C-alpha atoms as a PDB file:
ATOM      1  CA  MET A   1      36.685  13.097 -17.653  1.00  0.00           C
ATOM      2  CA  LYS A   2      34.672  11.573 -20.330  1.00  0.00           C
ATOM      3  CA  ILE A   3      34.520   8.320 -18.343  1.00  0.00           C
ATOM      4  CA  PHE A   4      33.550  10.174 -15.556  1.00  0.00           C
ATOM      5  CA  PHE A   5      30.456  11.875 -17.565  1.00  0.00           C
ATOM      6  CA  ALA A   6      29.559   8.548 -19.256  1.00  0.00           C
ATOM      7  CA  ALA A   7      29.427   6.707 -15.694  1.00  0.00           C
ATOM      8  CA  ILE A   8      26.947   9.514 -14.736  1.00  0.00           C
ATOM      9  CA  ALA A   9      24.826   9.084 -18.117  1.00  0.00           C
ATOM     10  CA  VAL A  10      24.656   5.536 -17.228  1.00  0.00           C
ATOM     11  CA  LEU A  11      23.840   5.736 -13.516  1.00  0.00           C
ATOM     12  CA  MET A  12      21.119   8.308 -14.547  1.00  0.00           C
ATOM     13  CA  PHE A  13      19.722   5.885 -17.215  1.00  0.00           C
ATOM     14  CA  LEU A  14      19.480   2.750 -14.879  1.00  0.00           C
ATOM     15  CA  SER A  15      17.813   5.155 -11.915  1.00  0.00           C
ATOM     16  CA  THR A  16      15.228   6.101 -14.296  1.00  0.00           C
ATOM     17  CA  SER A  17      14.813   2.969 -16.115  1.00  0.00           C
ATOM     18  CA  ALA A  18      14.162   0.842 -12.687  1.00  0.00           C
ATOM     19  CA  PRO A  19      10.972  -0.943 -12.872  1.00  0.00           C
ATOM     20  CA  ALA A  20       8.657   2.059 -10.746  1.00  0.00           C
ATOM     21  CA  GLN A  21       6.137   1.033  -8.108  1.00  0.00           C
ATOM     22  CA  THR A  22       2.553   0.430  -9.487  1.00  0.00           C
ATOM     23  CA  TRP A  23      -0.388   2.090  -8.158  1.00  0.00           C
ATOM     24  CA  GLU A  24      -3.889   1.389  -9.510  1.00  0.00           C
ATOM     25  CA  SER A  25      -6.799   3.278  -9.611  1.00  0.00           C
ATOM     26  CA  PHE A  26      -9.373   1.439  -7.802  1.00  0.00           C
ATOM     27  CA  ASN A  27     -11.660  -0.390 -10.237  1.00  0.00           C
ATOM     28  CA  ALA A  28      -8.614  -1.519 -12.205  1.00  0.00           C
ATOM     29  CA  GLY A  29      -6.605  -2.730  -9.048  1.00  0.00           C
ATOM     30  CA  MET A  30      -9.714  -4.421  -7.664  1.00  0.00           C
ATOM     31  CA  ALA A  31      -9.933  -6.422 -11.153  1.00  0.00           C
ATOM     32  CA  LYS A  32      -5.906  -7.189 -11.172  1.00  0.00           C
ATOM     33  CA  ALA A  33      -6.179  -8.393  -7.712  1.00  0.00           C
ATOM     34  CA  LYS A  34      -9.118 -10.614  -8.358  1.00  0.00           C
ATOM     35  CA  ALA A  35      -7.041 -12.005 -11.593  1.00  0.00           C
ATOM     36  CA  SER A  36      -3.695 -12.437  -9.696  1.00  0.00           C
ATOM     37  CA  LYS A  37      -4.987 -13.539  -6.480  1.00  0.00           C
ATOM     38  CA  LYS A  38      -2.849 -11.172  -4.568  1.00  0.00           C
ATOM     39  CA  THR A  39      -3.845  -9.545  -1.551  1.00  0.00           C
ATOM     40  CA  ILE A  40      -4.971  -5.990  -1.803  1.00  0.00           C
ATOM     41  CA  LEU A  41      -3.275  -2.897  -0.417  1.00  0.00           C
ATOM     42  CA  VAL A  42      -5.582   0.283  -0.240  1.00  0.00           C
ATOM     43  CA  ASP A  43      -3.634   3.567   0.552  1.00  0.00           C
ATOM     44  CA  ILE A  44      -6.753   6.134   1.417  1.00  0.00           C
ATOM     45  CA  TYR A  45      -5.556   9.469   1.663  1.00  0.00           C
ATOM     46  CA  THR A  46      -6.437  13.267   0.999  1.00  0.00           C
ATOM     47  CA  ASP A  47      -4.639  15.710  -0.890  1.00  0.00           C
ATOM     48  CA  TRP A  48      -4.258  18.128   1.791  1.00  0.00           C
ATOM     49  CA  CYS A  49      -3.238  15.525   4.448  1.00  0.00           C
ATOM     50  CA  SER A  50       0.506  15.970   5.553  1.00  0.00           C
ATOM     51  CA  TRP A  51       0.994  12.440   6.887  1.00  0.00           C
ATOM     52  CA  CYS A  52      -0.166  11.017   3.784  1.00  0.00           C
ATOM     53  CA  LYS A  53       2.688  12.756   2.055  1.00  0.00           C
ATOM     54  CA  LYS A  54       5.015  11.642   4.615  1.00  0.00           C
ATOM     55  CA  MET A  55       4.089   8.206   4.236  1.00  0.00           C
ATOM     56  CA  ASP A  56       4.412   8.543   0.488  1.00  0.00           C
ATOM     57  CA  ALA A  57       8.370  10.138   0.832  1.00  0.00           C
ATOM     58  CA  ASN A  58       9.689   7.854   3.611  1.00  0.00           C
ATOM     59  CA  THR A  59       7.429   4.421   3.987  1.00  0.00           C
ATOM     60  CA  TYR A  60       6.527   3.603   0.274  1.00  0.00           C
ATOM     61  CA  THR A  61       9.702   4.659  -1.178  1.00  0.00           C
ATOM     62  CA  ASP A  62      11.739   2.473   1.353  1.00  0.00           C
ATOM     63  CA  ALA A  63      13.598  -0.132  -0.717  1.00  0.00           C
ATOM     64  CA  LYS A  64      12.299  -3.309   1.359  1.00  0.00           C
ATOM     65  CA  VAL A  65       8.454  -2.050   1.616  1.00  0.00           C
ATOM     66  CA  LYS A  66       8.765  -1.282  -2.399  1.00  0.00           C
ATOM     67  CA  ASP A  67       9.879  -4.943  -3.063  1.00  0.00           C
ATOM     68  CA  TYR A  68       7.549  -6.597  -0.730  1.00  0.00           C
ATOM     69  CA  LEU A  69       4.612  -4.800  -2.022  1.00  0.00           C
ATOM     70  CA  LYS A  70       5.601  -5.454  -5.496  1.00  0.00           C
ATOM     71  CA  LYS A  71       6.049  -9.279  -5.136  1.00  0.00           C
ATOM     72  CA  ASN A  72       2.929  -9.700  -2.920  1.00  0.00           C
ATOM     73  CA  PHE A  73       0.410  -6.793  -2.959  1.00  0.00           C
ATOM     74  CA  THR A  74      -1.795  -5.289  -5.966  1.00  0.00           C
ATOM     75  CA  MET A  75      -1.834  -1.613  -4.512  1.00  0.00           C
ATOM     76  CA  ILE A  76      -4.366   0.630  -4.957  1.00  0.00           C
ATOM     77  CA  LYS A  77      -4.431   4.527  -4.431  1.00  0.00           C
ATOM     78  CA  LEU A  78      -7.727   6.208  -3.178  1.00  0.00           C
ATOM     79  CA  ASN A  79      -8.288   9.765  -2.697  1.00  0.00           C
ATOM     80  CA  ALA A  80     -11.159   9.896  -0.118  1.00  0.00           C
ATOM     81  CA  GLU A  81     -12.083  13.076  -1.364  1.00  0.00           C
ATOM     82  CA  GLY A  82     -11.906  12.087  -5.109  1.00  0.00           C
ATOM     83  CA  THR A  83     -15.080  12.585  -7.392  1.00  0.00           C
ATOM     84  CA  THR A  84     -14.574   9.406  -9.854  1.00  0.00           C
ATOM     85  CA  PRO A  85     -17.354   6.856  -8.545  1.00  0.00           C
ATOM     86  CA  ILE A  86     -15.712   3.402  -7.671  1.00  0.00           C
ATOM     87  CA  MET A  87     -17.631  -0.076  -7.893  1.00  0.00           C
ATOM     88  CA  TYR A  88     -17.548  -2.334  -4.701  1.00  0.00           C
ATOM     89  CA  GLN A  89     -19.563  -5.557  -4.317  1.00  0.00           C
ATOM     90  CA  GLY A  90     -21.551  -4.468  -7.252  1.00  0.00           C
ATOM     91  CA  LYS A  91     -22.365  -1.019  -5.951  1.00  0.00           C
ATOM     92  CA  SER A  92     -21.088   2.414  -7.576  1.00  0.00           C
ATOM     93  CA  MET A  93     -20.231   4.605  -4.605  1.00  0.00           C
ATOM     94  CA  SER A  94     -18.168   7.746  -3.882  1.00  0.00           C
ATOM     95  CA  PRO A  95     -14.638   7.075  -2.624  1.00  0.00           C
ATOM     96  CA  ALA A  96     -15.784   8.972   0.711  1.00  0.00           C
ATOM     97  CA  GLU A  97     -18.722   6.644   1.016  1.00  0.00           C
ATOM     98  CA  PHE A  98     -16.554   3.491   0.223  1.00  0.00           C
ATOM     99  CA  ALA A  99     -13.850   4.977   2.947  1.00  0.00           C
ATOM    100  CA  GLN A 100     -16.674   5.473   5.486  1.00  0.00           C
ATOM    101  CA  GLY A 101     -17.927   2.039   5.123  1.00  0.00           C
ATOM    102  CA  MET A 102     -14.499   0.760   5.724  1.00  0.00           C
ATOM    103  CA  GLY A 103     -14.424   2.539   9.063  1.00  0.00           C
ATOM    104  CA  VAL A 104     -11.589   5.178   7.782  1.00  0.00           C
ATOM    105  CA  SER A 105     -11.910   7.793  10.639  1.00  0.00           C
ATOM    106  CA  GLY A 106      -8.413   9.881   9.687  1.00  0.00           C
ATOM    107  CA  TYR A 107      -5.790   9.921   6.838  1.00  0.00           C
ATOM    108  CA  PRO A 108      -3.297   8.101   5.833  1.00  0.00           C
ATOM    109  CA  ALA A 109      -5.361   4.884   6.380  1.00  0.00           C
ATOM    110  CA  THR A 110      -4.300   1.727   4.808  1.00  0.00           C
ATOM    111  CA  LEU A 111      -6.900  -1.010   3.932  1.00  0.00           C
ATOM    112  CA  PHE A 112      -5.689  -4.653   3.340  1.00  0.00           C
ATOM    113  CA  MET A 113      -8.257  -7.027   1.410  1.00  0.00           C
ATOM    114  CA  LYS A 114      -8.398 -10.217  -0.092  1.00  0.00           C
ATOM    115  CA  SER A 115      -8.118 -10.785  -3.681  1.00  0.00           C
ATOM    116  CA  ASN A 116     -12.192 -10.952  -3.895  1.00  0.00           C
ATOM    117  CA  GLY A 117     -12.237  -7.904  -2.128  1.00  0.00           C
ATOM    118  CA  ASP A 118     -13.049  -9.069   1.779  1.00  0.00           C
ATOM    119  CA  GLY A 119     -11.442  -7.099   3.952  1.00  0.00           C
ATOM    120  CA  ILE A 120      -8.773  -8.105   6.403  1.00  0.00           C
ATOM    121  CA  THR A 121      -8.003  -5.308   8.551  1.00  0.00           C
ATOM    122  CA  LEU A 122      -7.762  -1.324   8.470  1.00  0.00           C
ATOM    123  CA  VAL A 123      -4.590   0.285   9.800  1.00  0.00           C
ATOM    124  CA  PRO A 124      -4.992   4.021  10.531  1.00  0.00           C
ATOM    125  CA  GLY A 125      -2.323   6.463  10.681  1.00  0.00           C
ATOM    126  CA  TYR A 126       1.287   6.827   9.673  1.00  0.00           C
ATOM    127  CA  SER A 127       3.709   3.965  10.124  1.00  0.00           C
ATOM    128  CA  GLU A 128       7.442   4.268  10.247  1.00  0.00           C
ATOM    129  CA  ALA A 129       9.064   1.654   7.493  1.00  0.00           C
ATOM    130  CA  PRO A 130      10.423  -0.829   9.624  1.00  0.00           C
ATOM    131  CA  MET A 131       6.774  -1.198  11.229  1.00  0.00           C
ATOM    132  CA  PHE A 132       4.945  -0.974   8.155  1.00  0.00           C
ATOM    133  CA  LEU A 133       7.288  -3.983   7.030  1.00  0.00           C
ATOM    134  CA  HIS A 134       6.280  -6.152   9.883  1.00  0.00           C
ATOM    135  CA  ILE A 135       2.639  -5.059   9.028  1.00  0.00           C
ATOM    136  CA  LEU A 136       3.179  -6.199   5.206  1.00  0.00           C
ATOM    137  CA  THR A 137       4.408  -9.733   6.122  1.00  0.00           C
ATOM    138  CA  TYR A 138       2.222 -10.223   8.838  1.00  0.00           C
ATOM    139  CA  ILE A 139      -0.908  -9.505   6.253  1.00  0.00           C
ATOM    140  CA  GLY A 140       1.271 -10.922   3.007  1.00  0.00           C
ATOM    141  CA  GLU A 141       1.815 -14.245   4.816  1.00  0.00           C
ATOM    142  CA  SER A 142      -1.858 -14.607   6.262  1.00  0.00           C
ATOM    143  CA  ARG A 143      -0.628 -14.779   9.799  1.00  0.00           C
ATOM    144  CA  TYR A 144      -3.456 -13.025  10.893  1.00  0.00           C
ATOM    145  CA  ASP A 145      -5.600 -16.197  10.639  1.00  0.00           C
ATOM    146  CA  LYS A 146      -3.143 -17.695  12.865  1.00  0.00           C
ATOM    147  CA  GLN A 147      -1.944 -15.367  15.855  1.00  0.00           C
ATOM    148  CA  LYS A 148      -2.298 -11.813  16.963  1.00  0.00           C
ATOM    149  CA  PHE A 149      -0.196  -8.678  15.773  1.00  0.00           C
ATOM    150  CA  ASP A 150       1.190  -8.287  18.990  1.00  0.00           C
ATOM    151  CA  ASP A 151       2.010 -12.107  19.201  1.00  0.00           C
ATOM    152  CA  TYR A 152       3.698 -12.092  15.651  1.00  0.00           C
ATOM    153  CA  LEU A 153       6.064  -8.986  16.950  1.00  0.00           C
ATOM    154  CA  LYS A 154       7.074 -10.778  20.021  1.00  0.00           C
ATOM    155  CA  GLU A 155       7.899 -13.836  17.731  1.00  0.00           C
ATOM    156  CA  LYS A 156       9.960 -11.357  15.644  1.00  0.00           C
ATOM    157  CA  GLY A 157      11.820  -9.777  18.662  1.00  0.00           C
ATOM    158  CA  VAL A 158      10.185  -6.656  18.065  1.00  0.00           C
ATOM    159  CA  LYS A 159       9.488  -4.400  21.032  1.00  0.00           C
ATOM    160  CA  GLN A 160       6.811  -2.026  21.386  1.00  0.00           C
END
């Protein structure tokens, strides 16, 4: 019985000490991306958005998604209704102004940007983990410069 409880204690320790996915604030994330040269993912959400919560609970917790994000992206969480001003391209603005300027019309919205802050694309709505992983690899491998997303999915054998 002692061995059983010792094993449970070790498992609990390992599960709580595993490196967590690190979400940055907008300003800190932009600085980190510039220094690391990593592509930026901005998760634009609101507190009342049920699909945003589902994305957090189902998609961002998927092991493959978490691993790919950690290795390839600087991850920023941005509450579109937040009150803390952000700096983007030398201008101070509200999160709502930034979201509107990027074309966000609903939540969740996932914005991908180059490490210098230039926009790549905006993905509106909720994505299941398997499709989101395809989106991440398409962006992470800079395939958007070479081919359309539909062609990328066909190449990977994904039926839509």
